[in-house]
């Protein structure tokens, strides 16, 4: 598979700052796998590789949080 284990598809954010987008994450088997893990959103796109930039070259961190439920 391409990308890192936790990679999700690119998130599209509207001009008003909202992002409503269904995600397909075939490597996740159940939502309970997410409990207690974190989510990191980067400003840039992802090339799904560690070359030429590590972690897909996604750029600066934009937002993060812990999934509690």
PDB file of N, CA and C in Angstrom:
ATOM      1  N   UNK A   1       0.835  -1.194   0.000  1.00  0.00           N
ATOM      2  CA  UNK A   1       0.000   0.000   0.000  1.00  0.00           C
ATOM      3  C   UNK A   1       0.870   1.244   0.000  1.00  0.00           C
ATOM      4  N   UNK A   2       0.388   2.288  -0.639  1.00  0.00           N
ATOM      5  CA  UNK A   2       1.110   3.551  -0.661  1.00  0.00           C
ATOM      6  C   UNK A   2       0.836   4.316   0.624  1.00  0.00           C
ATOM      7  N   UNK A   3       1.796   5.089   1.043  1.00  0.00           N
ATOM      8  CA  UNK A   3       1.605   5.951   2.195  1.00  0.00           C
ATOM      9  C   UNK A   3       1.951   5.269   3.507  1.00  0.00           C
ATOM     10  N   UNK A   4       1.795   6.023   4.553  1.00  0.00           N
ATOM     11  CA  UNK A   4       2.056   5.545   5.899  1.00  0.00           C
ATOM     12  C   UNK A   4       0.789   4.923   6.462  1.00  0.00           C
ATOM     13  N   UNK A   5       0.927   4.087   7.480  1.00  0.00           N
ATOM     14  CA  UNK A   5      -0.211   3.361   8.032  1.00  0.00           C
ATOM     15  C   UNK A   5      -1.363   4.283   8.414  1.00  0.00           C
ATOM     16  N   UNK A   6      -1.073   5.427   8.987  1.00  0.00           N
ATOM     17  CA  UNK A   6      -2.126   6.329   9.432  1.00  0.00           C
ATOM     18  C   UNK A   6      -2.602   7.335   8.408  1.00  0.00           C
ATOM     19  N   UNK A   7      -2.080   7.281   7.197  1.00  0.00           N
ATOM     20  CA  UNK A   7      -2.462   8.269   6.185  1.00  0.00           C
ATOM     21  C   UNK A   7      -3.933   8.172   5.806  1.00  0.00           C
ATOM     22  N   UNK A   8      -4.552   9.311   5.692  1.00  0.00           N
ATOM     23  CA  UNK A   8      -5.916   9.428   5.185  1.00  0.00           C
ATOM     24  C   UNK A   8      -5.860  10.259   3.912  1.00  0.00           C
ATOM     25  N   UNK A   9      -6.887  10.205   3.089  1.00  0.00           N
ATOM     26  CA  UNK A   9      -6.894  11.014   1.863  1.00  0.00           C
ATOM     27  C   UNK A   9      -6.826  12.508   2.178  1.00  0.00           C
ATOM     28  N   UNK A  10      -6.461  13.301   1.182  1.00  0.00           N
ATOM     29  CA  UNK A  10      -6.407  14.748   1.340  1.00  0.00           C
ATOM     30  C   UNK A  10      -7.756  15.309   1.765  1.00  0.00           C
ATOM     31  N   UNK A  11      -7.728  16.317   2.607  1.00  0.00           N
ATOM     32  CA  UNK A  11      -8.930  16.972   3.114  1.00  0.00           C
ATOM     33  C   UNK A  11      -9.144  18.259   2.332  1.00  0.00           C
ATOM     34  N   UNK A  12     -10.321  18.450   1.784  1.00  0.00           N
ATOM     35  CA  UNK A  12     -10.643  19.656   1.023  1.00  0.00           C
ATOM     36  C   UNK A  12     -11.427  20.598   1.929  1.00  0.00           C
ATOM     37  N   UNK A  13     -10.915  21.815   2.099  1.00  0.00           N
ATOM     38  CA  UNK A  13     -11.551  22.801   2.974  1.00  0.00           C
ATOM     39  C   UNK A  13     -12.122  23.920   2.115  1.00  0.00           C
ATOM     40  N   UNK A  14     -13.384  24.251   2.344  1.00  0.00           N
ATOM     41  CA  UNK A  14     -14.059  25.317   1.600  1.00  0.00           C
ATOM     42  C   UNK A  14     -13.548  26.688   2.026  1.00  0.00           C
ATOM     43  N   UNK A  15     -13.845  27.712   1.249  1.00  0.00           N
ATOM     44  CA  UNK A  15     -13.407  29.080   1.534  1.00  0.00           C
ATOM     45  C   UNK A  15     -13.889  29.562   2.897  1.00  0.00           C
ATOM     46  N   UNK A  16     -15.042  29.048   3.361  1.00  0.00           N
ATOM     47  CA  UNK A  16     -15.568  29.472   4.667  1.00  0.00           C
ATOM     48  C   UNK A  16     -14.957  28.685   5.827  1.00  0.00           C
ATOM     49  N   UNK A  17     -14.003  27.803   5.530  1.00  0.00           N
ATOM     50  CA  UNK A  17     -13.310  27.058   6.573  1.00  0.00           C
ATOM     51  C   UNK A  17     -13.940  25.727   6.935  1.00  0.00           C
ATOM     52  N   UNK A  18     -15.040  25.356   6.295  1.00  0.00           N
ATOM     53  CA  UNK A  18     -15.673  24.075   6.601  1.00  0.00           C
ATOM     54  C   UNK A  18     -15.089  22.966   5.736  1.00  0.00           C
ATOM     55  N   UNK A  19     -15.081  21.784   6.300  1.00  0.00           N
ATOM     56  CA  UNK A  19     -14.601  20.607   5.569  1.00  0.00           C
ATOM     57  C   UNK A  19     -15.537  19.447   5.866  1.00  0.00           C
ATOM     58  N   UNK A  20     -16.438  19.186   4.966  1.00  0.00           N
ATOM     59  CA  UNK A  20     -17.353  18.062   5.102  1.00  0.00           C
ATOM     60  C   UNK A  20     -17.024  17.100   3.980  1.00  0.00           C
ATOM     61  N   UNK A  21     -16.417  15.978   4.344  1.00  0.00           N
ATOM     62  CA  UNK A  21     -15.902  15.090   3.320  1.00  0.00           C
ATOM     63  C   UNK A  21     -15.853  13.667   3.870  1.00  0.00           C
ATOM     64  N   UNK A  22     -16.549  12.742   3.238  1.00  0.00           N
ATOM     65  CA  UNK A  22     -16.456  11.352   3.713  1.00  0.00           C
ATOM     66  C   UNK A  22     -15.080  10.779   3.380  1.00  0.00           C
ATOM     67  N   UNK A  23     -14.491  10.076   4.314  1.00  0.00           N
ATOM     68  CA  UNK A  23     -13.159   9.519   4.107  1.00  0.00           C
ATOM     69  C   UNK A  23     -13.217   8.009   3.975  1.00  0.00           C
ATOM     70  N   UNK A  24     -12.468   7.493   3.060  1.00  0.00           N
ATOM     71  CA  UNK A  24     -12.302   6.064   2.910  1.00  0.00           C
ATOM     72  C   UNK A  24     -10.922   5.716   3.442  1.00  0.00           C
ATOM     73  N   UNK A  25     -10.881   4.915   4.476  1.00  0.00           N
ATOM     74  CA  UNK A  25      -9.616   4.508   5.078  1.00  0.00           C
ATOM     75  C   UNK A  25      -9.592   2.981   5.165  1.00  0.00           C
ATOM     76  N   UNK A  26      -9.291   2.308   4.059  1.00  0.00           N
ATOM     77  CA  UNK A  26      -9.388   0.852   4.024  1.00  0.00           C
ATOM     78  C   UNK A  26      -8.461   0.118   4.987  1.00  0.00           C
ATOM     79  N   UNK A  27      -7.440   0.789   5.487  1.00  0.00           N
ATOM     80  CA  UNK A  27      -6.521   0.125   6.406  1.00  0.00           C
ATOM     81  C   UNK A  27      -7.048   0.113   7.839  1.00  0.00           C
ATOM     82  N   UNK A  28      -8.100   0.878   8.105  1.00  0.00           N
ATOM     83  CA  UNK A  28      -8.742   0.843   9.418  1.00  0.00           C
ATOM     84  C   UNK A  28      -9.825  -0.216   9.397  1.00  0.00           C
ATOM     85  N   UNK A  29      -9.818  -1.080  10.382  1.00  0.00           N
ATOM     86  CA  UNK A  29     -10.801  -2.162  10.427  1.00  0.00           C
ATOM     87  C   UNK A  29     -12.040  -1.781  11.231  1.00  0.00           C
ATOM     88  N   UNK A  30     -11.890  -0.914  12.243  1.00  0.00           N
ATOM     89  CA  UNK A  30     -13.043  -0.467  13.030  1.00  0.00           C
ATOM     90  C   UNK A  30     -12.734   0.891  13.647  1.00  0.00           C
ATOM     91  N   UNK A  31     -13.782   1.635  13.965  1.00  0.00           N
ATOM     92  CA  UNK A  31     -13.594   2.957  14.568  1.00  0.00           C
ATOM     93  C   UNK A  31     -12.964   2.862  15.950  1.00  0.00           C
ATOM     94  N   UNK A  32     -13.144   1.738  16.632  1.00  0.00           N
ATOM     95  CA  UNK A  32     -12.560   1.589  17.964  1.00  0.00           C
ATOM     96  C   UNK A  32     -11.030   1.630  17.914  1.00  0.00           C
ATOM     97  N   UNK A  33     -10.447   1.351  16.758  1.00  0.00           N
ATOM     98  CA  UNK A  33      -8.989   1.434  16.607  1.00  0.00           C
ATOM     99  C   UNK A  33      -8.483   2.864  16.779  1.00  0.00           C
ATOM    100  N   UNK A  34      -9.354   3.845  16.611  1.00  0.00           N
ATOM    101  CA  UNK A  34      -8.949   5.248  16.680  1.00  0.00           C
ATOM    102  C   UNK A  34      -8.922   5.796  18.097  1.00  0.00           C
ATOM    103  N   UNK A  35      -9.684   5.189  19.009  1.00  0.00           N
ATOM    104  CA  UNK A  35      -9.798   5.709  20.376  1.00  0.00           C
ATOM    105  C   UNK A  35      -8.415   5.809  21.028  1.00  0.00           C
ATOM    106  N   UNK A  36      -8.136   6.991  21.574  1.00  0.00           N
ATOM    107  CA  UNK A  36      -6.872   7.230  22.243  1.00  0.00           C
ATOM    108  C   UNK A  36      -5.726   7.611  21.319  1.00  0.00           C
ATOM    109  N   UNK A  37      -5.973   7.613  20.025  1.00  0.00           N
ATOM    110  CA  UNK A  37      -4.944   8.012  19.067  1.00  0.00           C
ATOM    111  C   UNK A  37      -5.114   9.481  18.703  1.00  0.00           C
ATOM    112  N   UNK A  38      -4.131  10.016  18.034  1.00  0.00           N
ATOM    113  CA  UNK A  38      -4.181  11.432  17.673  1.00  0.00           C
ATOM    114  C   UNK A  38      -4.406  11.616  16.181  1.00  0.00           C
ATOM    115  N   UNK A  39      -4.787  12.825  15.843  1.00  0.00           N
ATOM    116  CA  UNK A  39      -5.007  13.216  14.454  1.00  0.00           C
ATOM    117  C   UNK A  39      -4.181  14.467  14.199  1.00  0.00           C
ATOM    118  N   UNK A  40      -3.418  14.472  13.112  1.00  0.00           N
ATOM    119  CA  UNK A  40      -2.604  15.628  12.754  1.00  0.00           C
ATOM    120  C   UNK A  40      -2.985  16.055  11.343  1.00  0.00           C
ATOM    121  N   UNK A  41      -3.281  17.324  11.184  1.00  0.00           N
ATOM    122  CA  UNK A  41      -3.600  17.872   9.865  1.00  0.00           C
ATOM    123  C   UNK A  41      -2.469  18.810   9.470  1.00  0.00           C
ATOM    124  N   UNK A  42      -1.915  18.560   8.282  1.00  0.00           N
ATOM    125  CA  UNK A  42      -0.835  19.394   7.758  1.00  0.00           C
ATOM    126  C   UNK A  42      -1.389  20.363   6.723  1.00  0.00           C
ATOM    127  N   UNK A  43      -0.709  21.498   6.544  1.00  0.00           N
ATOM    128  CA  UNK A  43      -1.160  22.536   5.609  1.00  0.00           C
ATOM    129  C   UNK A  43      -1.053  22.127   4.151  1.00  0.00           C
ATOM    130  N   UNK A  44      -0.028  21.404   3.791  1.00  0.00           N
ATOM    131  CA  UNK A  44       0.232  21.099   2.387  1.00  0.00           C
ATOM    132  C   UNK A  44      -0.332  19.770   1.931  1.00  0.00           C
ATOM    133  N   UNK A  45      -0.096  19.470   0.666  1.00  0.00           N
ATOM    134  CA  UNK A  45      -0.516  18.198   0.097  1.00  0.00           C
ATOM    135  C   UNK A  45       0.424  17.077   0.504  1.00  0.00           C
ATOM    136  N   UNK A  46       0.129  15.879   0.077  1.00  0.00           N
ATOM    137  CA  UNK A  46       0.917  14.704   0.430  1.00  0.00           C
ATOM    138  C   UNK A  46       1.314  13.976  -0.843  1.00  0.00           C
ATOM    139  N   UNK A  47       2.594  13.661  -0.971  1.00  0.00           N
ATOM    140  CA  UNK A  47       3.038  12.905  -2.140  1.00  0.00           C
ATOM    141  C   UNK A  47       3.087  11.401  -1.857  1.00  0.00           C
ATOM    142  N   UNK A  48       2.617  10.988  -0.665  1.00  0.00           N
ATOM    143  CA  UNK A  48       2.531   9.579  -0.266  1.00  0.00           C
ATOM    144  C   UNK A  48       3.874   8.861  -0.344  1.00  0.00           C
ATOM    145  N   UNK A  49       4.928   9.577   0.017  1.00  0.00           N
ATOM    146  CA  UNK A  49       6.275   9.012  -0.013  1.00  0.00           C
ATOM    147  C   UNK A  49       7.144   9.760   0.990  1.00  0.00           C
ATOM    148  N   UNK A  50       8.293   9.197   1.307  1.00  0.00           N
ATOM    149  CA  UNK A  50       9.261   9.901   2.145  1.00  0.00           C
ATOM    150  C   UNK A  50      10.319  10.599   1.306  1.00  0.00           C
ATOM    151  N   UNK A  51      10.168  10.577   0.014  1.00  0.00           N
ATOM    152  CA  UNK A  51      11.099  11.221  -0.906  1.00  0.00           C
ATOM    153  C   UNK A  51      10.355  12.245  -1.751  1.00  0.00           C
ATOM    154  N   UNK A  52      10.777  13.426  -1.938  1.00  0.00           N
ATOM    155  CA  UNK A  52      12.018  14.000  -1.432  1.00  0.00           C
ATOM    156  C   UNK A  52      11.915  14.502   0.003  1.00  0.00           C
ATOM    157  N   UNK A  53      10.712  14.682   0.532  1.00  0.00           N
ATOM    158  CA  UNK A  53      10.557  15.189   1.896  1.00  0.00           C
ATOM    159  C   UNK A  53       9.973  14.101   2.797  1.00  0.00           C
ATOM    160  N   UNK A  54      10.429  14.021   4.063  1.00  0.00           N
ATOM    161  CA  UNK A  54       9.885  13.016   4.970  1.00  0.00           C
ATOM    162  C   UNK A  54       8.401  13.240   5.251  1.00  0.00           C
ATOM    163  N   UNK A  55       7.702  12.174   5.542  1.00  0.00           N
ATOM    164  CA  UNK A  55       6.270  12.197   5.882  1.00  0.00           C
ATOM    165  C   UNK A  55       5.408  12.782   4.776  1.00  0.00           C
ATOM    166  N   UNK A  56       5.814  12.586   3.540  1.00  0.00           N
ATOM    167  CA  UNK A  56       4.979  12.986   2.410  1.00  0.00           C
ATOM    168  C   UNK A  56       5.064  14.439   2.026  1.00  0.00           C
ATOM    169  N   UNK A  57       5.886  15.217   2.698  1.00  0.00           N
ATOM    170  CA  UNK A  57       6.029  16.624   2.348  1.00  0.00           C
ATOM    171  C   UNK A  57       4.773  17.432   2.602  1.00  0.00           C
ATOM    172  N   UNK A  58       3.991  17.050   3.604  1.00  0.00           N
ATOM    173  CA  UNK A  58       2.717  17.707   3.888  1.00  0.00           C
ATOM    174  C   UNK A  58       2.827  19.119   4.426  1.00  0.00           C
ATOM    175  N   UNK A  59       4.017  19.563   4.717  1.00  0.00           N
ATOM    176  CA  UNK A  59       4.198  20.925   5.190  1.00  0.00           C
ATOM    177  C   UNK A  59       3.973  21.071   6.681  1.00  0.00           C
ATOM    178  N   UNK A  60       3.800  22.313   7.083  1.00  0.00           N
ATOM    179  CA  UNK A  60       3.665  22.640   8.500  1.00  0.00           C
ATOM    180  C   UNK A  60       2.412  22.016   9.098  1.00  0.00           C
ATOM    181  N   UNK A  61       2.468  21.757  10.388  1.00  0.00           N
ATOM    182  CA  UNK A  61       1.298  21.250  11.105  1.00  0.00           C
ATOM    183  C   UNK A  61       0.284  22.372  11.243  1.00  0.00           C
ATOM    184  N   UNK A  62      -0.975  22.044  11.004  1.00  0.00           N
ATOM    185  CA  UNK A  62      -2.043  23.038  11.038  1.00  0.00           C
ATOM    186  C   UNK A  62      -2.945  22.842  12.255  1.00  0.00           C
ATOM    187  N   UNK A  63      -3.298  21.603  12.559  1.00  0.00           N
ATOM    188  CA  UNK A  63      -4.182  21.303  13.688  1.00  0.00           C
ATOM    189  C   UNK A  63      -3.915  19.882  14.162  1.00  0.00           C
ATOM    190  N   UNK A  64      -4.212  19.631  15.436  1.00  0.00           N
ATOM    191  CA  UNK A  64      -4.066  18.277  15.963  1.00  0.00           C
ATOM    192  C   UNK A  64      -5.049  18.073  17.104  1.00  0.00           C
ATOM    193  N   UNK A  65      -5.259  16.830  17.467  1.00  0.00           N
ATOM    194  CA  UNK A  65      -6.149  16.513  18.572  1.00  0.00           C
ATOM    195  C   UNK A  65      -6.112  15.032  18.881  1.00  0.00           C
ATOM    196  N   UNK A  66      -6.701  14.659  20.023  1.00  0.00           N
ATOM    197  CA  UNK A  66      -6.788  13.269  20.448  1.00  0.00           C
ATOM    198  C   UNK A  66      -8.223  12.801  20.271  1.00  0.00           C
ATOM    199  N   UNK A  67      -8.393  11.611  19.727  1.00  0.00           N
ATOM    200  CA  UNK A  67      -9.719  11.032  19.522  1.00  0.00           C
ATOM    201  C   UNK A  67     -10.096  10.300  20.802  1.00  0.00           C
ATOM    202  N   UNK A  68     -11.113  10.803  21.501  1.00  0.00           N
ATOM    203  CA  UNK A  68     -11.484  10.253  22.800  1.00  0.00           C
ATOM    204  C   UNK A  68     -12.629   9.258  22.739  1.00  0.00           C
ATOM    205  N   UNK A  69     -13.507   9.364  21.762  1.00  0.00           N
ATOM    206  CA  UNK A  69     -14.690   8.487  21.722  1.00  0.00           C
ATOM    207  C   UNK A  69     -14.673   7.622  20.504  1.00  0.00           C
TER     208      UNK A  69
END
